[in-house]
Amino acid sequence: MDALLPFFDPAVERSRFEARASFLRIQEALRVQLAPGIFLQAETRASVEDQVRETLQAEGKSLESVGPEELEEVRASFAMLSPRRDSDRISLAATLMLGLEESGREARLEALRGFPEQLQLELEDGSRLVPCVDRGSAGVEDRLPTVLALRYDLPPGAAPVAVLSGHPALQGRWTSRLLKDWPLLA
């Protein structure tokens, strides 16, 4: 017997979307569009918890319906994206998405080799931070993944003002209206 699929109710989905609208606007403001199909999404405690809830929702579950072990397992799967505070230091995480068109994707990914490691944060004082990049373990060996987790360790009191890249395939300086507030949302 086939397992029953959850019933899709447009009214319920609209209600869920409307309840998340404020959160989604903040997330959109934290997103930095680097090129068509390429963006850096700043992660916050709220965004990581939302991903946990959405993952459970996709499985027909909720925070209230799962046991503590299962909830801890789902939260652990998003641990790389969680911001961290250690006394006066903040470690911020972001998701880099490379949503490239199918035609020419492999060549474009090859051209972007080394790009994630060069995606720096410019701080208010003009200094720059290089990310620690988690490439994950899935995918074709030695191929640039299309979703990567980046982590930046901020010095005490520092605030980012821009994202920078000097990579030959994608150069620029990008800002976001909430980028400076990112550490406050961690």
Foldseek 3Di string as FASTA:
>chain_A
DDDDDDDDDPVVVVVVCVVCVVVVVVQVLQWWDQDVQKIKTWAFPVNLVVVLQVVQVNVVHGPVRDDPVVSVVSSVVCVLQYWDDDPQKIKTKIKIARRDDPVCPQVLQVLCVVFQQQWWFQWPVRDIWGWDKDQDDDDDPPTRDRIIMTMTMDDGPIFTAWIAGPRPSGGDIIGGPCRRVSRVRD
